[in-house]
N, C-alpha and C. Protein backbone atom coordinates (compact mmCIF):
# COMPACT_ATOMS: atom_id res chain seq x y z
N GLU A 1 97.53 143.47 138.57
CA GLU A 1 97.41 142.04 138.76
C GLU A 1 98.96 141.57 138.82
N ALA A 2 99.04 140.99 140.10
CA ALA A 2 100.54 140.53 140.23
C ALA A 2 101.43 139.42 139.01
N THR A 3 100.63 138.73 138.44
CA THR A 3 101.10 137.91 137.44
C THR A 3 101.64 138.84 136.35
N GLU A 4 100.74 139.83 136.15
CA GLU A 4 101.11 140.65 134.94
C GLU A 4 102.30 141.40 135.31
N LEU A 5 102.68 141.83 136.30
CA LEU A 5 103.65 142.43 136.65
C LEU A 5 104.95 141.57 136.75
N LEU A 6 104.77 140.41 137.29
CA LEU A 6 105.69 139.50 137.33
C LEU A 6 106.17 139.01 135.77
N ARG A 7 105.50 139.27 134.91
CA ARG A 7 105.71 138.53 133.43
C ARG A 7 106.08 139.39 132.93
N SER A 8 106.13 140.81 133.08
CA SER A 8 107.17 142.28 132.84
C SER A 8 108.04 142.02 133.12
N ALA A 9 108.58 141.70 134.28
CA ALA A 9 109.65 141.74 135.14
C ALA A 9 110.66 140.36 134.53
N LEU A 10 110.07 139.39 133.99
CA LEU A 10 110.43 138.24 133.47
C LEU A 10 111.14 138.55 132.12
N LYS A 11 110.49 139.46 131.52
CA LYS A 11 110.71 140.00 130.10
C LYS A 11 112.11 140.72 130.10
N HIS A 12 112.60 141.43 131.35
CA HIS A 12 113.63 141.92 131.27
C HIS A 12 114.78 141.17 132.02
N HIS A 13 114.20 140.23 132.68
CA HIS A 13 115.45 139.60 133.73
C HIS A 13 114.51 137.67 133.70
N PRO A 14 114.87 137.36 132.29
CA PRO A 14 114.38 135.84 132.31
C PRO A 14 115.07 134.94 132.93
N HIS A 15 116.56 135.32 133.59
CA HIS A 15 117.19 134.38 134.29
C HIS A 15 116.83 134.26 135.77
N ARG A 16 116.21 135.22 135.97
CA ARG A 16 115.68 135.55 137.76
C ARG A 16 114.94 134.06 138.15
N THR A 17 115.37 133.31 138.60
CA THR A 17 114.86 132.19 139.39
C THR A 17 113.66 132.68 140.41
N ASP A 18 113.85 133.62 140.79
CA ASP A 18 112.86 134.13 142.11
C ASP A 18 111.67 134.83 141.40
N LEU A 19 111.82 135.34 140.35
CA LEU A 19 110.81 135.95 139.61
C LEU A 19 109.75 134.79 139.10
N ARG A 20 110.57 133.91 138.27
CA ARG A 20 109.87 132.94 137.85
C ARG A 20 109.08 132.09 138.58
N LEU A 21 109.60 131.66 139.91
CA LEU A 21 109.02 130.96 141.25
C LEU A 21 107.75 132.25 141.61
N PHE A 22 108.00 133.08 141.79
CA PHE A 22 106.76 133.74 142.17
C PHE A 22 105.60 133.75 141.10
N HIS A 23 105.90 134.01 139.91
CA HIS A 23 105.00 133.94 138.67
C HIS A 23 104.38 132.75 138.61
N ALA A 24 105.24 131.54 139.09
CA ALA A 24 104.64 130.07 138.69
C ALA A 24 103.41 129.73 140.10
N LEU A 25 104.09 130.42 141.00
CA LEU A 25 103.04 130.33 142.11
C LEU A 25 101.98 130.97 142.05
N CYS A 26 101.91 132.38 141.60
CA CYS A 26 100.90 133.22 141.46
C CYS A 26 99.98 132.31 140.28
N CYS A 27 100.37 132.08 139.02
CA CYS A 27 99.75 131.25 138.10
C CYS A 27 99.01 129.90 138.79
N ALA A 28 99.87 129.49 139.44
CA ALA A 28 99.29 127.89 140.16
C ALA A 28 97.94 128.45 141.12
N ARG A 29 98.26 129.40 142.01
CA ARG A 29 97.16 129.91 142.84
C ARG A 29 95.70 129.95 142.01
N VAL A 30 95.78 130.75 140.80
CA VAL A 30 94.38 130.78 140.11
C VAL A 30 94.34 129.63 138.60
N GLY A 31 95.05 128.54 138.81
CA GLY A 31 95.09 127.53 138.24
C GLY A 31 95.23 127.73 136.57
N ASP A 32 96.34 128.82 136.41
CA ASP A 32 96.46 128.58 134.96
C ASP A 32 97.90 127.90 134.73
N THR A 33 97.44 126.67 134.47
CA THR A 33 98.21 125.33 134.29
C THR A 33 99.38 125.34 133.23
N ASP A 34 98.91 126.24 132.00
CA ASP A 34 99.68 126.01 131.09
C ASP A 34 100.99 126.87 131.31
N ARG A 35 100.90 128.18 131.81
CA ARG A 35 101.93 129.09 132.08
C ARG A 35 102.48 128.65 133.55
N VAL A 36 102.06 127.78 134.21
CA VAL A 36 102.89 127.26 135.41
C VAL A 36 103.94 126.14 135.02
N LEU A 37 103.08 125.39 133.84
CA LEU A 37 103.95 124.23 133.69
C LEU A 37 105.20 124.56 132.63
N ALA A 38 105.09 125.95 132.11
CA ALA A 38 105.99 126.39 131.36
C ALA A 38 107.19 126.88 132.10
N ASP A 39 106.70 127.49 133.16
CA ASP A 39 107.48 128.01 134.40
C ASP A 39 108.28 127.00 134.84
N ILE A 40 107.51 125.82 135.08
CA ILE A 40 108.53 124.53 135.94
C ILE A 40 109.51 124.45 135.29
N ARG A 41 108.97 124.11 133.95
CA ARG A 41 110.46 123.96 132.73
C ARG A 41 111.41 124.42 132.90
N GLU A 42 111.40 125.74 132.84
CA GLU A 42 112.46 126.72 132.79
C GLU A 42 112.92 126.94 134.17
N LEU A 43 112.71 126.72 135.40
CA LEU A 43 113.35 126.61 136.55
C LEU A 43 113.80 125.48 136.61
N LEU A 44 113.28 124.40 136.11
CA LEU A 44 114.33 123.12 136.14
C LEU A 44 115.42 123.03 135.31
N ARG A 45 115.38 123.42 134.08
CA ARG A 45 116.38 124.00 132.90
C ARG A 45 117.41 124.89 133.44
N GLN A 46 117.04 125.82 133.98
CA GLN A 46 118.24 126.71 135.06
C GLN A 46 118.73 125.95 135.98
N SER A 47 118.03 125.07 136.79
CA SER A 47 118.96 124.59 137.79
C SER A 47 118.31 123.16 138.28
N ASP A 48 118.88 122.48 139.00
CA ASP A 48 118.68 121.02 139.23
C ASP A 48 119.00 120.86 140.92
N ALA A 49 119.29 121.88 141.40
CA ALA A 49 119.63 121.69 142.65
C ALA A 49 118.43 121.57 143.70
N PRO A 50 118.68 120.78 144.89
CA PRO A 50 117.54 120.47 145.89
C PRO A 50 116.43 121.60 145.82
N ARG A 51 117.17 122.93 146.25
CA ARG A 51 116.06 123.94 146.56
C ARG A 51 115.63 124.14 145.45
N THR A 52 115.59 124.27 144.53
CA THR A 52 114.65 124.31 142.97
C THR A 52 113.88 123.05 143.23
N TYR A 53 113.99 121.95 143.49
CA TYR A 53 113.20 120.63 143.76
C TYR A 53 112.31 121.06 144.37
N TYR A 54 112.80 121.66 145.77
CA TYR A 54 111.59 122.04 146.88
C TYR A 54 110.77 123.26 146.29
N GLN A 55 110.98 124.14 145.58
CA GLN A 55 110.14 125.06 145.17
C GLN A 55 109.17 124.86 143.90
N VAL A 56 109.69 123.72 143.29
CA VAL A 56 108.78 123.21 141.97
C VAL A 56 107.79 122.55 142.74
N ALA A 57 108.20 121.78 143.85
CA ALA A 57 107.34 120.96 144.56
C ALA A 57 106.26 121.89 145.27
N ARG A 58 106.56 123.11 145.43
CA ARG A 58 105.59 123.98 146.27
C ARG A 58 104.39 124.45 145.09
N VAL A 59 105.19 124.74 144.14
CA VAL A 59 104.22 125.01 142.72
C VAL A 59 103.24 123.95 142.19
N TYR A 60 103.87 122.71 142.46
CA TYR A 60 103.07 121.58 141.96
C TYR A 60 102.11 121.49 143.00
N ALA A 61 101.95 121.54 144.56
CA ALA A 61 101.29 121.41 145.40
C ALA A 61 100.02 122.31 145.56
N VAL A 62 100.71 123.94 145.28
CA VAL A 62 99.40 124.94 144.74
C VAL A 62 98.54 124.19 143.58
N LEU A 63 99.48 124.00 142.64
CA LEU A 63 98.34 123.52 141.23
C LEU A 63 97.60 122.04 141.76
N GLY A 64 97.92 121.46 142.69
CA GLY A 64 97.35 120.06 143.15
C GLY A 64 95.98 120.88 143.85
N ASN A 65 95.78 121.87 144.27
CA ASN A 65 95.00 122.52 145.14
C ASN A 65 93.35 122.57 144.00
N HIS A 66 94.14 122.74 142.72
CA HIS A 66 93.21 123.07 142.10
C HIS A 66 93.01 121.57 141.22
N ARG A 67 93.98 120.81 140.87
CA ARG A 67 93.52 119.77 139.97
C ARG A 67 94.66 118.76 140.74
N SER A 68 93.97 117.73 141.28
CA SER A 68 94.83 116.58 141.91
C SER A 68 95.61 115.71 141.13
N GLN A 69 95.56 115.92 140.25
CA GLN A 69 96.80 114.56 139.15
C GLN A 69 98.07 115.62 139.68
N TYR A 70 98.32 116.74 139.98
CA TYR A 70 99.83 117.31 140.15
C TYR A 70 100.12 116.98 141.81
N ARG A 71 99.55 116.15 142.32
CA ARG A 71 99.62 116.10 143.81
C ARG A 71 100.98 115.19 143.89
N MET A 72 101.01 114.21 142.88
CA MET A 72 102.37 113.20 142.86
C MET A 72 103.36 113.69 142.38
N SER A 73 103.24 114.65 141.74
CA SER A 73 104.65 115.60 140.89
C SER A 73 104.91 116.59 142.08
N ALA A 74 104.31 117.06 143.06
CA ALA A 74 105.04 117.64 144.23
C ALA A 74 105.26 116.76 145.09
N LEU A 75 104.93 115.47 145.42
CA LEU A 75 105.62 114.54 146.31
C LEU A 75 106.97 114.03 145.86
N SER A 76 106.80 113.71 144.28
CA SER A 76 108.03 113.49 143.84
C SER A 76 109.50 114.63 143.73
N TYR A 77 108.92 115.79 143.61
CA TYR A 77 109.92 116.86 143.79
C TYR A 77 110.64 117.02 145.05
N LEU A 78 109.35 116.86 146.36
CA LEU A 78 109.64 117.48 147.51
C LEU A 78 110.75 116.14 148.16
N ARG A 79 110.24 114.85 147.59
CA ARG A 79 111.28 113.83 147.97
C ARG A 79 112.58 113.74 147.52
N GLU A 80 112.94 114.26 146.13
CA GLU A 80 114.14 114.84 145.87
C GLU A 80 114.92 115.65 146.35
N ALA A 81 113.89 116.99 146.75
CA ALA A 81 114.71 117.94 147.32
C ALA A 81 115.45 117.66 148.82
N ILE A 82 114.60 116.51 149.78
CA ILE A 82 114.93 116.22 150.95
C ILE A 82 115.78 114.99 150.73
N ALA A 83 115.72 114.45 149.94
CA ALA A 83 117.19 113.56 149.38
C ALA A 83 118.11 114.41 149.22
N GLY A 84 117.93 115.27 148.73
CA GLY A 84 119.23 116.10 148.53
C GLY A 84 120.06 117.00 149.45
N GLY A 85 119.23 116.98 150.53
CA GLY A 85 119.48 117.81 151.48
C GLY A 85 118.93 118.87 152.18
N PHE A 86 117.67 119.30 151.15
CA PHE A 86 117.03 120.43 151.32
C PHE A 86 115.25 120.63 151.75
N GLY A 87 114.65 121.05 152.63
CA GLY A 87 113.65 121.07 152.80
C GLY A 87 113.13 120.20 153.98
N HIS A 88 114.09 119.22 154.45
CA HIS A 88 113.28 118.31 155.83
C HIS A 88 112.85 119.42 157.02
N ASP A 89 113.62 120.55 157.25
CA ASP A 89 113.04 121.09 158.36
C ASP A 89 111.89 122.18 157.90
N ARG A 90 111.87 122.24 156.58
CA ARG A 90 110.63 123.02 156.29
C ARG A 90 109.11 122.71 156.31
N PHE A 91 109.27 121.70 155.30
CA PHE A 91 108.35 121.43 154.88
C PHE A 91 106.48 121.16 155.63
N GLU A 92 107.21 120.93 156.84
CA GLU A 92 105.97 121.01 157.93
C GLU A 92 105.44 122.37 158.17
N THR A 93 105.87 123.25 157.87
CA THR A 93 105.56 124.61 158.35
C THR A 93 105.10 125.54 156.89
N GLU A 94 105.36 124.88 155.60
CA GLU A 94 105.45 125.71 154.42
C GLU A 94 103.62 125.59 154.30
N PRO A 95 103.02 126.42 153.83
CA PRO A 95 101.69 126.47 153.72
C PRO A 95 101.16 125.97 152.79
N ASP A 96 102.04 125.79 151.60
CA ASP A 96 101.69 125.45 150.12
C ASP A 96 101.49 123.95 150.31
N PHE A 97 102.39 123.25 151.54
CA PHE A 97 102.13 121.86 151.55
C PHE A 97 100.83 121.23 152.47
N ARG A 98 99.55 121.50 152.03
CA ARG A 98 98.57 121.42 152.94
C ARG A 98 98.08 120.16 153.12
N PHE A 99 98.01 119.52 151.84
CA PHE A 99 97.70 118.02 151.78
C PHE A 99 97.86 117.04 152.61
N GLN A 100 97.58 116.16 153.42
CA GLN A 100 97.98 115.44 154.38
C GLN A 100 98.88 114.23 153.87
N GLU A 101 98.28 113.80 152.71
CA GLU A 101 98.74 112.52 152.08
C GLU A 101 100.56 112.77 151.98
N LEU A 102 100.67 114.22 151.57
CA LEU A 102 102.15 114.52 151.12
C LEU A 102 102.66 114.47 152.33
N ARG A 103 102.03 115.35 153.25
CA ARG A 103 102.72 115.38 154.75
C ARG A 103 103.22 114.15 155.27
N ASP A 104 102.46 113.35 155.02
CA ASP A 104 102.40 111.59 155.62
C ASP A 104 103.56 110.94 154.97
N ALA A 105 103.82 110.93 153.58
CA ALA A 105 104.79 110.87 152.70
C ALA A 105 105.89 110.85 153.20
N VAL A 106 106.19 112.55 153.29
CA VAL A 106 107.41 112.89 153.40
C VAL A 106 107.86 112.79 154.77
N ARG A 107 106.93 112.66 156.03
CA ARG A 107 107.31 112.16 157.40
C ARG A 107 108.03 110.95 157.05
N ALA A 108 107.32 109.78 156.16
CA ALA A 108 107.82 108.52 156.11
C ALA A 108 109.24 108.44 155.46
N LEU A 109 109.52 109.27 154.52
CA LEU A 109 110.99 109.24 153.93
C LEU A 109 111.71 110.33 155.25
N SER A 110 111.29 111.15 155.50
CA SER A 110 112.22 111.88 156.63
C SER A 110 112.66 110.77 157.89
N GLY A 111 111.95 110.04 158.27
CA GLY A 111 112.30 108.70 159.19
C GLY A 111 113.28 107.85 158.58
N GLY A 112 113.08 107.93 157.19
CA GLY A 112 114.13 106.90 156.85
C GLY A 112 115.75 108.03 156.30
N LEU A 113 115.81 108.85 156.65
CA LEU A 113 117.07 109.46 156.34
C LEU A 113 117.95 109.99 157.64
N ASN A 114 116.88 109.68 158.76
CA ASN A 114 117.60 109.70 160.00
C ASN A 114 118.39 108.51 160.25
């Protein structure tokens, strides 16, 4: 399973944010909330860059497919990413941002940035 391989890789390379992101996404896709939240905490500890916020928003959006209470977190981090200059040109085509209220809210915010 992909999550097991990624977990093993993270043991050897704990500072690789790309591995942690993929692990978080895999765990989110199967609804493993505890592992997802731990990965998010670590991602945010390692970086507060707009790109990181965008990636955290993706993870929360996927988790929001299983538990709707995480959709607001996805929106919040996506707003931060866009306000920081990252993701404005990508979120429309990002398959992880499926739910309409997220797209509508970000479109409204994006209009205010132009």
